[in-house]
Amino acid sequence: MFDKEKVMEQFAPLTRKKDSKPVRYLVVDDSVFARKNLARMIEAFGGQLAGEAGDGCTAITEYNRTQPDIVLMDITMPQMEGIEAVERIVRQHPEARIVMVSSVGYQDNILAALQKGARHFVQKPVKPDVLYEIIRYVLNDDGVGVSVPAGEAHS
């Protein structure tokens, strides 16, 4: 099970370089359990849940409403798949940083999502240390960056 206290000790808080505020996330997954699990990890990284969505259509609306720093997007969802949602969000917001969250066996879908503008992907079941490193990478990738307090960097 996910031990938030243990994870809090393990990870230095990720904050935005531009204003040192918590990184804001939009979590998109049709599974409430998966969304809650990701939200707990985000909080353990010092992040803030800006919004949630259970399908691609809602994801687009929530992105426009919340303007998050990072989107964690499931691929397989009802109404609108994650890949189409990525394409639509990136078309409106080229700066969007979207990380796909996908089950094993969806390599073609992951590749399609990356071609549509997703920045990275993480495999389910999501491991906190892997998600942390991917988020750090994606935030640093375009100069927005994250601040990690000196001496607290995760190895």
N, C-alpha and C. Protein backbone atom coordinates (compact mmCIF):
# COMPACT_ATOMS: atom_id res chain seq x y z
N MET A 1 0.85 -1.19 0.00
CA MET A 1 0.00 0.00 0.00
C MET A 1 0.89 1.25 0.00
N PHE A 2 0.33 2.32 -0.38
CA PHE A 2 1.03 3.60 -0.50
C PHE A 2 1.16 4.25 0.88
N ASP A 3 2.37 4.41 1.37
CA ASP A 3 2.62 5.01 2.68
C ASP A 3 3.07 6.46 2.48
N LYS A 4 2.13 7.38 2.68
CA LYS A 4 2.41 8.79 2.40
C LYS A 4 3.54 9.34 3.27
N GLU A 5 3.57 8.97 4.55
CA GLU A 5 4.62 9.48 5.44
C GLU A 5 6.00 9.07 4.94
N LYS A 6 6.12 7.80 4.56
CA LYS A 6 7.41 7.30 4.08
C LYS A 6 7.81 8.03 2.79
N VAL A 7 6.85 8.23 1.92
CA VAL A 7 7.13 8.90 0.65
C VAL A 7 7.50 10.37 0.89
N MET A 8 6.85 11.02 1.84
CA MET A 8 7.15 12.42 2.14
C MET A 8 8.62 12.57 2.54
N GLU A 9 9.14 11.59 3.27
CA GLU A 9 10.54 11.64 3.68
C GLU A 9 11.46 11.39 2.49
N GLN A 10 10.99 10.59 1.55
CA GLN A 10 11.83 10.15 0.44
C GLN A 10 11.98 11.22 -0.63
N PHE A 11 10.96 12.05 -0.84
CA PHE A 11 10.96 13.00 -1.95
C PHE A 11 11.03 14.44 -1.49
N ALA A 12 11.97 15.18 -2.06
CA ALA A 12 12.02 16.62 -1.82
C ALA A 12 10.85 17.25 -2.57
N PRO A 13 10.20 18.25 -1.98
CA PRO A 13 9.05 18.87 -2.64
C PRO A 13 9.44 19.50 -3.98
N LEU A 14 8.64 19.25 -4.99
CA LEU A 14 8.84 19.88 -6.30
C LEU A 14 8.03 21.17 -6.32
N THR A 15 8.70 22.28 -6.61
CA THR A 15 8.00 23.55 -6.73
C THR A 15 8.37 24.21 -8.05
N ARG A 16 7.53 25.14 -8.48
CA ARG A 16 7.80 25.84 -9.74
C ARG A 16 8.95 26.81 -9.53
N LYS A 17 9.90 26.84 -10.46
CA LYS A 17 11.04 27.75 -10.36
C LYS A 17 10.59 29.21 -10.43
N LYS A 18 9.62 29.49 -11.29
CA LYS A 18 9.25 30.89 -11.53
C LYS A 18 8.70 31.58 -10.29
N ASP A 19 8.01 30.84 -9.40
CA ASP A 19 7.42 31.50 -8.24
C ASP A 19 7.50 30.67 -6.96
N SER A 20 8.19 29.54 -7.01
CA SER A 20 8.37 28.64 -5.85
C SER A 20 7.06 28.12 -5.27
N LYS A 21 6.00 28.18 -6.04
CA LYS A 21 4.71 27.65 -5.59
C LYS A 21 4.63 26.16 -5.93
N PRO A 22 3.70 25.45 -5.28
CA PRO A 22 3.55 24.03 -5.59
C PRO A 22 3.18 23.80 -7.06
N VAL A 23 3.66 22.72 -7.61
CA VAL A 23 3.30 22.32 -8.98
C VAL A 23 1.83 21.90 -8.94
N ARG A 24 1.06 22.39 -9.91
CA ARG A 24 -0.38 22.10 -9.97
C ARG A 24 -0.65 21.03 -11.03
N TYR A 25 -1.47 20.05 -10.64
CA TYR A 25 -1.73 18.89 -11.48
C TYR A 25 -3.20 18.73 -11.82
N LEU A 26 -3.44 18.24 -13.03
CA LEU A 26 -4.76 17.77 -13.44
C LEU A 26 -4.63 16.27 -13.62
N VAL A 27 -5.45 15.49 -12.91
CA VAL A 27 -5.38 14.03 -12.98
C VAL A 27 -6.60 13.52 -13.75
N VAL A 28 -6.32 12.80 -14.84
CA VAL A 28 -7.39 12.32 -15.72
C VAL A 28 -7.34 10.80 -15.81
N ASP A 29 -8.39 10.15 -15.29
CA ASP A 29 -8.49 8.69 -15.34
C ASP A 29 -9.95 8.33 -15.08
N ASP A 30 -10.46 7.32 -15.78
CA ASP A 30 -11.86 6.94 -15.56
C ASP A 30 -12.02 6.15 -14.26
N SER A 31 -10.93 5.73 -13.66
CA SER A 31 -10.98 5.02 -12.38
C SER A 31 -10.79 6.01 -11.22
N VAL A 32 -11.79 6.09 -10.36
CA VAL A 32 -11.70 6.97 -9.19
C VAL A 32 -10.53 6.53 -8.32
N PHE A 33 -10.36 5.22 -8.17
CA PHE A 33 -9.25 4.68 -7.37
C PHE A 33 -7.91 5.16 -7.92
N ALA A 34 -7.73 5.07 -9.23
CA ALA A 34 -6.47 5.50 -9.86
C ALA A 34 -6.24 6.99 -9.64
N ARG A 35 -7.30 7.80 -9.77
CA ARG A 35 -7.17 9.25 -9.55
C ARG A 35 -6.76 9.55 -8.11
N LYS A 36 -7.39 8.88 -7.16
CA LYS A 36 -7.07 9.11 -5.74
C LYS A 36 -5.63 8.69 -5.45
N ASN A 37 -5.19 7.59 -6.02
CA ASN A 37 -3.84 7.09 -5.82
C ASN A 37 -2.81 8.10 -6.36
N LEU A 38 -3.06 8.60 -7.58
CA LEU A 38 -2.16 9.61 -8.17
C LEU A 38 -2.19 10.90 -7.35
N ALA A 39 -3.37 11.28 -6.87
CA ALA A 39 -3.49 12.50 -6.07
C ALA A 39 -2.65 12.39 -4.78
N ARG A 40 -2.65 11.22 -4.17
CA ARG A 40 -1.84 11.02 -2.95
C ARG A 40 -0.35 11.15 -3.27
N MET A 41 0.06 10.60 -4.41
CA MET A 41 1.48 10.71 -4.80
C MET A 41 1.85 12.17 -5.04
N ILE A 42 1.00 12.89 -5.75
CA ILE A 42 1.23 14.30 -6.06
C ILE A 42 1.41 15.10 -4.78
N GLU A 43 0.53 14.85 -3.81
CA GLU A 43 0.62 15.56 -2.53
C GLU A 43 1.92 15.20 -1.82
N ALA A 44 2.34 13.94 -1.94
CA ALA A 44 3.59 13.50 -1.32
C ALA A 44 4.80 14.21 -1.94
N PHE A 45 4.65 14.63 -3.20
CA PHE A 45 5.73 15.35 -3.89
C PHE A 45 5.64 16.85 -3.62
N GLY A 46 4.71 17.27 -2.77
CA GLY A 46 4.52 18.69 -2.48
C GLY A 46 3.64 19.38 -3.49
N GLY A 47 3.00 18.62 -4.36
CA GLY A 47 2.16 19.19 -5.40
C GLY A 47 0.75 19.47 -4.93
N GLN A 48 -0.01 20.08 -5.82
CA GLN A 48 -1.38 20.48 -5.52
C GLN A 48 -2.29 19.94 -6.62
N LEU A 49 -3.38 19.31 -6.24
CA LEU A 49 -4.35 18.81 -7.20
C LEU A 49 -5.21 19.98 -7.67
N ALA A 50 -5.05 20.36 -8.94
CA ALA A 50 -5.81 21.49 -9.49
C ALA A 50 -7.18 21.05 -9.96
N GLY A 51 -7.27 19.78 -10.41
CA GLY A 51 -8.55 19.27 -10.90
C GLY A 51 -8.46 17.80 -11.25
N GLU A 52 -9.63 17.20 -11.48
CA GLU A 52 -9.72 15.80 -11.86
C GLU A 52 -10.72 15.67 -13.00
N ALA A 53 -10.54 14.62 -13.80
CA ALA A 53 -11.50 14.33 -14.86
C ALA A 53 -11.55 12.82 -15.07
N GLY A 54 -12.71 12.32 -15.48
CA GLY A 54 -12.90 10.89 -15.69
C GLY A 54 -12.93 10.50 -17.15
N ASP A 55 -12.82 11.49 -18.04
CA ASP A 55 -12.79 11.21 -19.48
C ASP A 55 -12.12 12.38 -20.20
N GLY A 56 -11.82 12.16 -21.48
CA GLY A 56 -11.10 13.15 -22.27
C GLY A 56 -11.84 14.47 -22.44
N CYS A 57 -13.16 14.42 -22.61
CA CYS A 57 -13.95 15.65 -22.80
C CYS A 57 -13.83 16.54 -21.57
N THR A 58 -14.02 15.92 -20.40
CA THR A 58 -13.92 16.67 -19.15
C THR A 58 -12.49 17.17 -18.95
N ALA A 59 -11.51 16.38 -19.38
CA ALA A 59 -10.10 16.78 -19.25
C ALA A 59 -9.84 18.11 -19.96
N ILE A 60 -10.39 18.26 -21.16
CA ILE A 60 -10.20 19.50 -21.93
C ILE A 60 -10.81 20.68 -21.18
N THR A 61 -12.04 20.50 -20.70
CA THR A 61 -12.73 21.56 -19.95
C THR A 61 -11.95 21.92 -18.69
N GLU A 62 -11.50 20.89 -17.96
CA GLU A 62 -10.75 21.13 -16.72
C GLU A 62 -9.40 21.78 -16.99
N TYR A 63 -8.75 21.40 -18.09
CA TYR A 63 -7.46 22.03 -18.43
C TYR A 63 -7.68 23.53 -18.64
N ASN A 64 -8.69 23.87 -19.42
CA ASN A 64 -8.98 25.28 -19.70
C ASN A 64 -9.34 26.04 -18.43
N ARG A 65 -10.04 25.36 -17.50
CA ARG A 65 -10.47 26.01 -16.26
C ARG A 65 -9.33 26.18 -15.27
N THR A 66 -8.47 25.16 -15.15
CA THR A 66 -7.47 25.15 -14.07
C THR A 66 -6.07 25.57 -14.52
N GLN A 67 -5.76 25.46 -15.83
CA GLN A 67 -4.42 25.78 -16.35
C GLN A 67 -3.32 25.12 -15.50
N PRO A 68 -3.32 23.79 -15.40
CA PRO A 68 -2.34 23.10 -14.55
C PRO A 68 -0.92 23.15 -15.14
N ASP A 69 0.06 22.85 -14.29
CA ASP A 69 1.45 22.76 -14.74
C ASP A 69 1.71 21.42 -15.42
N ILE A 70 1.02 20.38 -14.93
CA ILE A 70 1.21 19.02 -15.45
C ILE A 70 -0.15 18.33 -15.52
N VAL A 71 -0.34 17.54 -16.57
CA VAL A 71 -1.53 16.69 -16.67
C VAL A 71 -1.05 15.24 -16.64
N LEU A 72 -1.67 14.43 -15.79
CA LEU A 72 -1.45 12.98 -15.79
C LEU A 72 -2.68 12.38 -16.44
N MET A 73 -2.51 11.83 -17.65
CA MET A 73 -3.65 11.43 -18.49
C MET A 73 -3.64 9.93 -18.80
N ASP A 74 -4.73 9.28 -18.42
CA ASP A 74 -4.93 7.88 -18.79
C ASP A 74 -5.21 7.82 -20.29
N ILE A 75 -4.92 6.69 -20.91
CA ILE A 75 -5.17 6.56 -22.35
C ILE A 75 -6.58 6.04 -22.61
N THR A 76 -6.95 4.94 -21.96
CA THR A 76 -8.22 4.28 -22.25
C THR A 76 -9.32 4.81 -21.33
N MET A 77 -10.25 5.57 -21.92
CA MET A 77 -11.36 6.16 -21.15
C MET A 77 -12.61 6.22 -22.02
N PRO A 78 -13.78 6.30 -21.37
CA PRO A 78 -15.03 6.44 -22.13
C PRO A 78 -15.16 7.85 -22.73
N GLN A 79 -16.13 8.03 -23.59
CA GLN A 79 -16.42 9.31 -24.27
C GLN A 79 -15.29 9.75 -25.19
N MET A 80 -14.13 10.02 -24.63
CA MET A 80 -12.99 10.44 -25.46
C MET A 80 -11.71 9.86 -24.87
N GLU A 81 -10.95 9.18 -25.72
CA GLU A 81 -9.69 8.58 -25.28
C GLU A 81 -8.67 9.66 -24.93
N GLY A 82 -7.68 9.28 -24.13
CA GLY A 82 -6.65 10.21 -23.72
C GLY A 82 -5.85 10.79 -24.88
N ILE A 83 -5.64 9.98 -25.92
CA ILE A 83 -4.82 10.45 -27.06
C ILE A 83 -5.51 11.61 -27.77
N GLU A 84 -6.81 11.49 -27.98
CA GLU A 84 -7.55 12.58 -28.62
C GLU A 84 -7.57 13.83 -27.73
N ALA A 85 -7.72 13.61 -26.43
CA ALA A 85 -7.72 14.73 -25.49
C ALA A 85 -6.37 15.45 -25.51
N VAL A 86 -5.27 14.69 -25.57
CA VAL A 86 -3.93 15.28 -25.66
C VAL A 86 -3.84 16.15 -26.90
N GLU A 87 -4.25 15.60 -28.03
CA GLU A 87 -4.18 16.34 -29.29
C GLU A 87 -4.94 17.66 -29.20
N ARG A 88 -6.14 17.63 -28.64
CA ARG A 88 -6.96 18.84 -28.55
C ARG A 88 -6.39 19.86 -27.57
N ILE A 89 -5.89 19.37 -26.43
CA ILE A 89 -5.31 20.29 -25.44
C ILE A 89 -4.05 20.95 -26.01
N VAL A 90 -3.16 20.15 -26.62
CA VAL A 90 -1.90 20.68 -27.16
C VAL A 90 -2.16 21.64 -28.32
N ARG A 91 -3.20 21.38 -29.11
CA ARG A 91 -3.54 22.28 -30.20
C ARG A 91 -3.90 23.66 -29.66
N GLN A 92 -4.64 23.71 -28.56
CA GLN A 92 -5.04 24.98 -27.94
C GLN A 92 -3.93 25.56 -27.06
N HIS A 93 -3.13 24.67 -26.45
CA HIS A 93 -2.10 25.09 -25.49
C HIS A 93 -0.80 24.35 -25.80
N PRO A 94 -0.02 24.82 -26.76
CA PRO A 94 1.22 24.11 -27.14
C PRO A 94 2.20 23.92 -25.98
N GLU A 95 2.08 24.74 -24.95
CA GLU A 95 2.98 24.63 -23.79
C GLU A 95 2.54 23.54 -22.80
N ALA A 96 1.39 22.92 -23.03
CA ALA A 96 0.86 21.91 -22.09
C ALA A 96 1.86 20.79 -21.87
N ARG A 97 2.00 20.41 -20.62
CA ARG A 97 2.89 19.30 -20.25
C ARG A 97 2.02 18.14 -19.79
N ILE A 98 1.90 17.16 -20.66
CA ILE A 98 1.02 16.02 -20.39
C ILE A 98 1.85 14.75 -20.32
N VAL A 99 1.64 13.99 -19.24
CA VAL A 99 2.29 12.71 -19.05
C VAL A 99 1.20 11.64 -19.15
N MET A 100 1.38 10.70 -20.07
CA MET A 100 0.40 9.62 -20.23
C MET A 100 0.62 8.57 -19.16
N VAL A 101 -0.48 8.06 -18.64
CA VAL A 101 -0.43 6.99 -17.64
C VAL A 101 -1.14 5.80 -18.28
N SER A 102 -0.39 4.72 -18.50
CA SER A 102 -0.96 3.63 -19.29
C SER A 102 -0.60 2.26 -18.73
N SER A 103 -1.50 1.32 -18.96
CA SER A 103 -1.25 -0.07 -18.59
C SER A 103 -0.28 -0.69 -19.58
N VAL A 104 0.28 -1.80 -19.20
CA VAL A 104 1.22 -2.53 -20.06
C VAL A 104 0.52 -2.94 -21.35
N GLY A 105 1.28 -3.01 -22.43
CA GLY A 105 0.73 -3.52 -23.68
C GLY A 105 0.13 -2.46 -24.58
N TYR A 106 0.37 -1.21 -24.27
CA TYR A 106 -0.21 -0.14 -25.08
C TYR A 106 0.88 0.70 -25.76
N GLN A 107 1.98 0.06 -26.16
CA GLN A 107 3.09 0.80 -26.76
C GLN A 107 2.66 1.65 -27.95
N ASP A 108 1.80 1.10 -28.81
CA ASP A 108 1.34 1.86 -29.98
C ASP A 108 0.59 3.12 -29.54
N ASN A 109 -0.24 2.96 -28.51
CA ASN A 109 -0.99 4.11 -28.01
C ASN A 109 -0.08 5.16 -27.40
N ILE A 110 0.95 4.70 -26.68
CA ILE A 110 1.90 5.63 -26.06
C ILE A 110 2.63 6.42 -27.15
N LEU A 111 3.07 5.72 -28.18
CA LEU A 111 3.75 6.37 -29.30
C LEU A 111 2.83 7.39 -29.95
N ALA A 112 1.57 7.02 -30.17
CA ALA A 112 0.60 7.95 -30.77
C ALA A 112 0.42 9.18 -29.89
N ALA A 113 0.34 8.97 -28.58
CA ALA A 113 0.17 10.09 -27.65
C ALA A 113 1.37 11.03 -27.69
N LEU A 114 2.57 10.45 -27.76
CA LEU A 114 3.79 11.27 -27.84
C LEU A 114 3.82 12.06 -29.14
N GLN A 115 3.35 11.45 -30.21
CA GLN A 115 3.30 12.15 -31.50
C GLN A 115 2.28 13.28 -31.47
N LYS A 116 1.24 13.15 -30.66
CA LYS A 116 0.20 14.19 -30.56
C LYS A 116 0.59 15.30 -29.60
N GLY A 117 1.70 15.12 -28.87
CA GLY A 117 2.16 16.21 -28.01
C GLY A 117 2.37 15.87 -26.55
N ALA A 118 2.08 14.63 -26.13
CA ALA A 118 2.39 14.26 -24.75
C ALA A 118 3.91 14.33 -24.56
N ARG A 119 4.36 14.67 -23.37
CA ARG A 119 5.79 14.84 -23.12
C ARG A 119 6.47 13.56 -22.66
N HIS A 120 5.71 12.67 -22.01
CA HIS A 120 6.32 11.47 -21.46
C HIS A 120 5.20 10.48 -21.11
N PHE A 121 5.57 9.34 -20.57
CA PHE A 121 4.56 8.39 -20.12
C PHE A 121 5.08 7.65 -18.90
N VAL A 122 4.14 7.13 -18.12
CA VAL A 122 4.46 6.30 -16.97
C VAL A 122 3.52 5.09 -17.03
N GLN A 123 4.05 3.95 -16.65
CA GLN A 123 3.30 2.71 -16.75
C GLN A 123 2.55 2.41 -15.46
N LYS A 124 1.33 1.87 -15.60
CA LYS A 124 0.57 1.39 -14.44
C LYS A 124 1.03 -0.03 -14.12
N PRO A 125 1.04 -0.45 -12.86
CA PRO A 125 0.79 0.39 -11.70
C PRO A 125 1.91 1.40 -11.49
N VAL A 126 1.52 2.63 -11.17
CA VAL A 126 2.47 3.73 -11.06
C VAL A 126 3.28 3.60 -9.77
N LYS A 127 4.60 3.66 -9.93
CA LYS A 127 5.50 3.63 -8.77
C LYS A 127 5.88 5.08 -8.45
N PRO A 128 5.76 5.49 -7.18
CA PRO A 128 6.03 6.89 -6.82
C PRO A 128 7.40 7.40 -7.27
N ASP A 129 8.45 6.58 -7.12
CA ASP A 129 9.79 7.07 -7.49
C ASP A 129 9.91 7.29 -8.99
N VAL A 130 9.27 6.45 -9.78
CA VAL A 130 9.30 6.61 -11.24
C VAL A 130 8.51 7.86 -11.64
N LEU A 131 7.33 8.04 -11.08
CA LEU A 131 6.51 9.21 -11.39
C LEU A 131 7.25 10.50 -11.00
N TYR A 132 7.90 10.50 -9.85
CA TYR A 132 8.64 11.66 -9.38
C TYR A 132 9.72 12.08 -10.38
N GLU A 133 10.50 11.10 -10.83
CA GLU A 133 11.58 11.39 -11.78
C GLU A 133 11.03 11.88 -13.12
N ILE A 134 9.93 11.29 -13.59
CA ILE A 134 9.32 11.71 -14.86
C ILE A 134 8.81 13.14 -14.74
N ILE A 135 8.16 13.46 -13.63
CA ILE A 135 7.65 14.82 -13.43
C ILE A 135 8.81 15.81 -13.39
N ARG A 136 9.88 15.48 -12.67
CA ARG A 136 11.06 16.36 -12.64
C ARG A 136 11.60 16.58 -14.04
N TYR A 137 11.69 15.50 -14.80
CA TYR A 137 12.21 15.58 -16.17
C TYR A 137 11.32 16.48 -17.04
N VAL A 138 10.03 16.24 -17.00
CA VAL A 138 9.09 16.98 -17.86
C VAL A 138 9.08 18.46 -17.48
N LEU A 139 9.12 18.77 -16.21
CA LEU A 139 9.12 20.18 -15.79
C LEU A 139 10.42 20.88 -16.16
N ASN A 140 11.53 20.17 -16.12
CA ASN A 140 12.82 20.78 -16.47
C ASN A 140 13.06 20.83 -17.96
N ASP A 141 12.32 20.05 -18.70
CA ASP A 141 12.52 19.87 -20.13
C ASP A 141 12.41 21.16 -20.93
N ASP A 142 11.51 22.05 -20.53
CA ASP A 142 11.29 23.25 -21.34
C ASP A 142 11.64 24.53 -20.61
N GLY A 143 12.53 24.41 -19.63
CA GLY A 143 13.01 25.60 -18.97
C GLY A 143 12.12 26.12 -17.85
N VAL A 144 10.94 25.53 -17.67
CA VAL A 144 10.07 25.98 -16.57
C VAL A 144 10.74 25.57 -15.27
N GLY A 145 11.13 24.32 -15.21
CA GLY A 145 11.94 23.82 -14.11
C GLY A 145 11.23 23.66 -12.80
N VAL A 146 11.89 22.93 -11.95
CA VAL A 146 11.42 22.72 -10.59
C VAL A 146 12.57 23.04 -9.66
N SER A 147 12.22 23.45 -8.48
CA SER A 147 13.24 23.68 -7.46
C SER A 147 13.22 22.52 -6.49
N VAL A 148 14.38 21.98 -6.22
CA VAL A 148 14.52 20.94 -5.22
C VAL A 148 15.50 21.50 -4.19
N PRO A 149 15.07 21.59 -2.92
CA PRO A 149 15.96 22.16 -1.92
C PRO A 149 17.33 21.47 -1.89
N ALA A 150 18.38 22.24 -1.71
CA ALA A 150 19.75 21.71 -1.69
C ALA A 150 19.88 20.64 -0.60
N GLY A 151 20.57 19.58 -0.93
CA GLY A 151 20.79 18.53 0.03
C GLY A 151 19.62 17.57 0.16
N GLU A 152 18.53 17.86 -0.54
CA GLU A 152 17.35 16.99 -0.44
C GLU A 152 17.06 16.28 -1.74
N ALA A 153 17.91 16.40 -2.71
CA ALA A 153 17.65 15.79 -4.02
C ALA A 153 17.51 14.27 -3.89
N HIS A 154 16.54 13.75 -4.60
CA HIS A 154 16.28 12.31 -4.62
C HIS A 154 17.33 11.63 -5.48
N SER A 155 17.93 10.58 -4.97
CA SER A 155 18.97 9.90 -5.77
C SER A 155 18.41 8.71 -6.48
